Amino acid sequence: MGNFFQKRSETIYAIFRILVGLLFLQHGVQKLFGVFGFPAPAPVFSLMWFAGYIELLGGLAITIGFFTRYAALAGALEMLIAYFYQHLPNGFLPIVNQGELSLLYFLSFLVLLVNGCGRWGIKSLFPGSKGKK
C-alpha cells in the first residue's frame, strides 16, 4: 500500500495544496463580502477585514502554487493569532474553544511551508524553477 501512495505523492500533495488553498480562500470571500453565512462584510481596516484579505489572497496564491511559502507563512501567523486571540480565551481544549479549524490550518500551512508549491504549481512553469519553491 505504501508503494501505491509513494508513486502518487506529488499528485496527492497537489490535491492537498489546492484544497487547502480553496478552503482558505472561501473564508476570505466570506469575511470580505458577507456571503456563505457571514452576516455582513467585515468593517474596512478591522482585524476581520485584514484577515479576510490574507485568506483571499493567500488562498488564491496557495491554490495556484505561486508564492506558496509566503502565503503559507502569512496564513500560519494569522491562524496562530486567531487561535490565541479568539479561541484560547474560551477554554484550553480546541474542541471546547472551537479552535480546531485554526489549528488544522496552522498545521497545513506548516506542511506547505516545508514543501512549497510542488511540481503542479504555477511557479514550476518559470525557467530555472524546480517546482519546489
Protein backbone atom coordinates (compact mmCIF):
# COMPACT_ATOMS: atom_id res chain seq x y z
CA MET A 1 0.00 0.00 0.00
CA GLY A 2 2.86 2.37 0.80
CA ASN A 3 4.32 1.98 -2.69
CA PHE A 4 0.96 2.92 -4.25
CA PHE A 5 0.84 6.22 -2.36
CA GLN A 6 4.58 6.87 -2.72
CA LYS A 7 4.27 6.74 -6.52
CA ARG A 8 1.44 9.26 -6.36
CA SER A 9 2.85 11.55 -3.67
CA GLU A 10 3.22 14.57 -5.97
CA THR A 11 -0.38 14.24 -7.14
CA ILE A 12 -1.66 13.77 -3.60
CA TYR A 13 0.34 16.78 -2.40
CA ALA A 14 -1.03 18.91 -5.27
CA ILE A 15 -4.59 17.93 -4.34
CA PHE A 16 -3.84 18.77 -0.70
CA ARG A 17 -2.36 22.19 -1.61
CA ILE A 18 -5.23 23.09 -3.95
CA LEU A 19 -7.94 22.06 -1.48
CA VAL A 20 -6.31 23.90 1.42
CA GLY A 21 -6.00 27.00 -0.78
CA LEU A 22 -9.59 26.86 -1.98
CA LEU A 23 -10.96 26.32 1.52
CA PHE A 24 -8.88 29.19 2.93
CA LEU A 25 -9.94 31.43 0.04
CA GLN A 26 -13.60 30.79 0.89
CA HIS A 27 -13.06 32.18 4.38
CA GLY A 28 -11.69 35.38 2.86
CA VAL A 29 -14.64 35.73 0.49
CA GLN A 30 -16.97 35.13 3.42
CA LYS A 31 -15.40 37.89 5.53
CA LEU A 32 -14.91 40.47 2.78
CA PHE A 33 -18.25 40.11 1.02
CA GLY A 34 -20.57 38.90 3.76
CA VAL A 35 -21.60 35.68 2.00
CA PHE A 36 -21.71 31.95 2.85
CA GLY A 37 -23.45 32.55 6.16
CA PHE A 38 -21.39 35.54 7.28
CA PRO A 39 -23.79 38.26 8.48
CA ALA A 40 -22.13 41.25 6.76
CA PRO A 41 -18.84 42.30 5.19
CA ALA A 42 -16.12 42.97 7.75
CA PRO A 43 -15.64 46.67 8.52
CA VAL A 44 -12.82 48.18 6.47
CA PHE A 45 -9.43 48.15 8.26
CA SER A 46 -10.74 45.95 11.10
CA LEU A 47 -8.84 42.81 12.13
CA MET A 48 -11.51 40.74 10.40
CA TRP A 49 -11.00 42.75 7.19
CA PHE A 50 -7.23 42.19 7.25
CA ALA A 51 -7.80 38.50 7.98
CA GLY A 52 -10.18 38.35 5.01
CA TYR A 53 -7.53 39.73 2.68
CA ILE A 54 -4.89 37.33 3.96
CA GLU A 55 -7.32 34.48 3.43
CA LEU A 56 -8.47 35.60 -0.01
CA LEU A 57 -5.07 36.42 -1.47
CA GLY A 58 -3.21 33.72 0.44
CA GLY A 59 -5.77 31.11 -0.51
CA LEU A 60 -5.52 32.12 -4.16
CA ALA A 61 -1.71 32.02 -4.10
CA ILE A 62 -1.70 28.59 -2.46
CA THR A 63 -4.32 27.26 -4.87
CA ILE A 64 -2.38 28.25 -7.98
CA GLY A 65 1.02 27.48 -6.45
CA PHE A 66 2.58 30.92 -6.66
CA PHE A 67 4.41 32.43 -3.67
CA THR A 68 3.12 29.39 -1.80
CA ARG A 69 5.58 29.61 1.06
CA TYR A 70 4.94 33.32 1.66
CA ALA A 71 1.18 32.75 1.61
CA ALA A 72 1.54 29.78 3.95
CA LEU A 73 3.65 31.85 6.35
CA ALA A 74 1.06 34.64 6.39
CA GLY A 75 -1.73 32.10 6.86
CA ALA A 76 0.12 30.29 9.66
CA LEU A 77 0.71 33.56 11.52
CA GLU A 78 -2.92 34.55 11.06
CA MET A 79 -4.10 31.21 12.41
CA LEU A 80 -1.86 31.48 15.48
CA ILE A 81 -3.18 34.96 16.17
CA ALA A 82 -6.75 33.79 15.63
CA TYR A 83 -6.28 30.86 17.98
CA PHE A 84 -4.70 32.85 20.82
CA TYR A 85 -6.86 35.95 20.37
CA GLN A 86 -10.25 34.44 19.53
CA HIS A 87 -10.32 30.84 20.72
CA LEU A 88 -7.99 30.27 23.67
CA PRO A 89 -9.87 32.72 25.96
CA ASN A 90 -12.89 30.38 25.63
CA GLY A 91 -11.09 27.36 27.10
CA PHE A 92 -7.89 25.38 26.85
CA LEU A 93 -9.03 22.46 24.70
CA PRO A 94 -9.58 23.16 20.99
CA ILE A 95 -12.78 21.10 20.95
CA VAL A 96 -14.16 23.33 23.72
CA ASN A 97 -12.98 26.70 22.38
CA GLN A 98 -13.86 25.83 18.75
CA GLY A 99 -10.28 26.43 17.61
CA GLU A 100 -9.77 23.10 15.82
CA LEU A 101 -10.02 24.69 12.38
CA SER A 102 -7.41 27.32 13.23
CA LEU A 103 -5.02 24.62 14.42
CA LEU A 104 -5.67 22.39 11.40
CA TYR A 105 -5.00 25.29 9.05
CA PHE A 106 -1.86 26.15 11.02
CA LEU A 107 -0.54 22.60 10.65
CA SER A 108 -1.50 22.54 6.95
CA PHE A 109 0.42 25.75 6.41
CA LEU A 110 3.48 24.25 8.11
CA VAL A 111 3.36 21.40 5.57
CA LEU A 112 3.07 23.96 2.77
CA LEU A 113 5.97 25.97 4.19
CA VAL A 114 8.20 22.89 4.10
CA ASN A 115 7.15 21.63 0.65
CA GLY A 116 6.34 24.80 -1.31
CA CYS A 117 4.14 24.59 -4.38
CA GLY A 118 5.36 21.22 -5.65
CA ARG A 119 5.53 20.34 -9.32
CA TRP A 120 1.93 21.25 -10.07
CA GLY A 121 2.19 24.91 -9.09
CA ILE A 122 2.42 27.85 -11.46
CA LYS A 123 5.86 28.65 -10.07
CA SER A 124 7.16 25.46 -11.66
CA LEU A 125 6.38 26.88 -15.11
CA PHE A 126 9.02 29.61 -14.79
CA PRO A 127 12.51 28.99 -16.20
CA GLY A 128 15.03 27.92 -13.60
CA SER A 129 12.36 26.79 -11.16
CA LYS A 130 12.43 23.23 -9.92
CA GLY A 131 8.83 23.46 -8.72
CA LYS A 132 9.69 23.22 -5.05
CA LYS A 133 9.67 26.92 -4.19
